[in-house]
């Protein structure tokens, strides 16, 4: 089972959408981690074995936040302006992608017209 942590960009109500689709999902907002440093969010995801889902492009920096050590990092780069309806569509896209593949050890960058995946370079 893929376990997720939704960053503060996602309404805690969306947690239920992911749970209904079979994903063990926590919200940064529900855990009082809103406004916490990125390092804290990253380390919490590692400790809890959760894939981070965020709009924060700082997590694209693989030197500061190597996805190799995680259950995955999904960075969403949506069209602007962002609305509640567009975030729900993004959530549905993420759910579909997660049903098709596992993000473990990878950085996914989800853009409106494509998904870029940077795979782990760990040696077996």
Protein backbone atom coordinates (compact mmCIF):
# COMPACT_ATOMS: atom_id res chain seq x y z
CA UNK A 1 0.00 0.00 0.00
CA UNK A 2 1.23 3.46 -0.87
CA UNK A 3 1.12 5.83 2.10
CA UNK A 4 0.85 9.55 1.40
CA UNK A 5 1.33 12.86 3.17
CA UNK A 6 -0.49 15.80 1.61
CA UNK A 7 1.32 19.10 2.05
CA UNK A 8 -0.49 22.23 3.19
CA UNK A 9 -1.53 23.14 -0.37
CA UNK A 10 -4.13 20.39 -0.24
CA UNK A 11 -7.30 20.76 1.79
CA UNK A 12 -7.58 18.17 4.56
CA UNK A 13 -10.90 17.23 2.92
CA UNK A 14 -8.89 15.72 0.06
CA UNK A 15 -7.38 13.27 2.51
CA UNK A 16 -10.71 11.45 2.43
CA UNK A 17 -10.62 11.30 -1.38
CA UNK A 18 -7.26 9.53 -1.30
CA UNK A 19 -8.35 7.23 1.55
CA UNK A 20 -11.51 6.28 -0.38
CA UNK A 21 -9.24 5.28 -3.27
CA UNK A 22 -7.25 2.94 -1.02
CA UNK A 23 -4.33 5.12 0.04
CA UNK A 24 -3.31 5.53 3.69
CA UNK A 25 -3.19 9.34 3.71
CA UNK A 26 -2.23 11.98 6.27
CA UNK A 27 -2.40 15.76 5.97
CA UNK A 28 0.29 18.21 7.09
CA UNK A 29 -2.54 20.56 8.14
CA UNK A 30 -4.25 17.94 10.31
CA UNK A 31 -0.94 17.13 11.99
CA UNK A 32 -0.19 20.76 12.91
CA UNK A 33 2.84 20.80 10.59
CA UNK A 34 1.57 23.74 8.56
CA UNK A 35 4.38 26.27 8.19
CA UNK A 36 6.98 23.76 9.32
CA UNK A 37 10.35 23.95 7.55
CA UNK A 38 10.66 21.82 4.42
CA UNK A 39 13.35 19.76 6.15
CA UNK A 40 10.88 18.83 8.88
CA UNK A 41 8.24 17.75 6.36
CA UNK A 42 10.85 15.73 4.41
CA UNK A 43 12.18 13.99 7.53
CA UNK A 44 8.65 13.29 8.78
CA UNK A 45 7.77 11.61 5.47
CA UNK A 46 10.90 9.45 5.69
CA UNK A 47 10.22 8.51 9.32
CA UNK A 48 6.58 7.64 8.55
CA UNK A 49 7.36 5.89 5.23
CA UNK A 50 5.08 8.26 3.32
CA UNK A 51 5.22 9.73 -0.17
CA UNK A 52 5.01 13.52 -0.07
CA UNK A 53 2.49 15.23 -2.36
CA UNK A 54 3.16 18.97 -2.60
CA UNK A 55 3.07 22.10 -4.74
CA UNK A 56 6.36 23.26 -3.18
CA UNK A 57 8.96 23.22 -5.97
CA UNK A 58 11.78 23.39 -3.39
CA UNK A 59 11.33 19.61 -3.17
CA UNK A 60 12.51 19.34 -6.81
CA UNK A 61 16.03 20.04 -5.52
CA UNK A 62 17.40 16.50 -5.37
CA UNK A 63 20.53 17.65 -3.58
CA UNK A 64 18.54 18.98 -0.62
CA UNK A 65 15.72 16.44 -0.80
CA UNK A 66 16.95 13.22 -2.43
CA UNK A 67 13.96 11.11 -3.39
CA UNK A 68 16.15 7.98 -3.21
CA UNK A 69 15.66 7.97 0.55
CA UNK A 70 11.87 8.36 0.41
CA UNK A 71 8.70 6.56 -0.57
CA UNK A 72 8.57 9.21 -3.28
CA UNK A 73 8.06 12.91 -3.76
CA UNK A 74 5.31 14.20 -6.04
CA UNK A 75 5.62 17.89 -6.91
CA UNK A 76 2.59 19.37 -8.63
CA UNK A 77 3.07 22.32 -10.99
CA UNK A 78 -0.50 23.34 -11.90
CA UNK A 79 -1.89 25.94 -14.24
CA UNK A 80 -2.66 29.26 -12.62
CA UNK A 81 -4.94 30.38 -11.10
CA UNK A 82 -5.41 27.46 -8.74
CA UNK A 83 -8.98 26.78 -7.68
CA UNK A 84 -10.58 24.19 -5.44
CA UNK A 85 -11.97 22.51 -8.55
CA UNK A 86 -8.54 22.35 -10.20
CA UNK A 87 -6.99 20.89 -7.05
CA UNK A 88 -9.66 18.17 -7.05
CA UNK A 89 -8.82 17.36 -10.69
CA UNK A 90 -5.13 17.18 -9.74
CA UNK A 91 -5.99 14.82 -6.87
CA UNK A 92 -7.85 12.56 -9.30
CA UNK A 93 -4.84 12.59 -11.67
CA UNK A 94 -2.50 11.64 -8.84
CA UNK A 95 -4.78 8.81 -7.75
CA UNK A 96 -4.87 7.44 -11.30
CA UNK A 97 -1.07 7.64 -11.60
CA UNK A 98 -0.57 5.95 -8.23
CA UNK A 99 -2.87 3.12 -9.31
CA UNK A 100 -0.60 2.54 -12.33
CA UNK A 101 2.86 2.91 -10.76
CA UNK A 102 4.76 3.29 -7.52
CA UNK A 103 6.70 6.51 -6.85
CA UNK A 104 9.06 4.95 -4.29
CA UNK A 105 12.56 6.42 -4.53
CA UNK A 106 11.50 8.76 -7.34
CA UNK A 107 10.74 12.42 -7.84
CA UNK A 108 7.61 12.97 -9.89
CA UNK A 109 6.90 16.40 -11.30
CA UNK A 110 3.28 16.56 -12.43
CA UNK A 111 2.61 19.34 -14.92
CA UNK A 112 -0.69 20.05 -16.71
CA UNK A 113 0.38 18.20 -19.85
CA UNK A 114 2.96 15.68 -18.64
CA UNK A 115 4.53 13.71 -15.84
CA UNK A 116 8.30 13.83 -15.48
CA UNK A 117 9.93 11.09 -13.40
CA UNK A 118 13.43 11.18 -12.00
CA UNK A 119 14.22 7.64 -10.89
CA UNK A 120 16.43 6.58 -8.06
CA UNK A 121 20.09 6.10 -8.86
CA UNK A 122 20.66 3.75 -5.94
CA UNK A 123 22.68 0.68 -6.71
CA UNK A 124 21.13 -2.69 -5.85
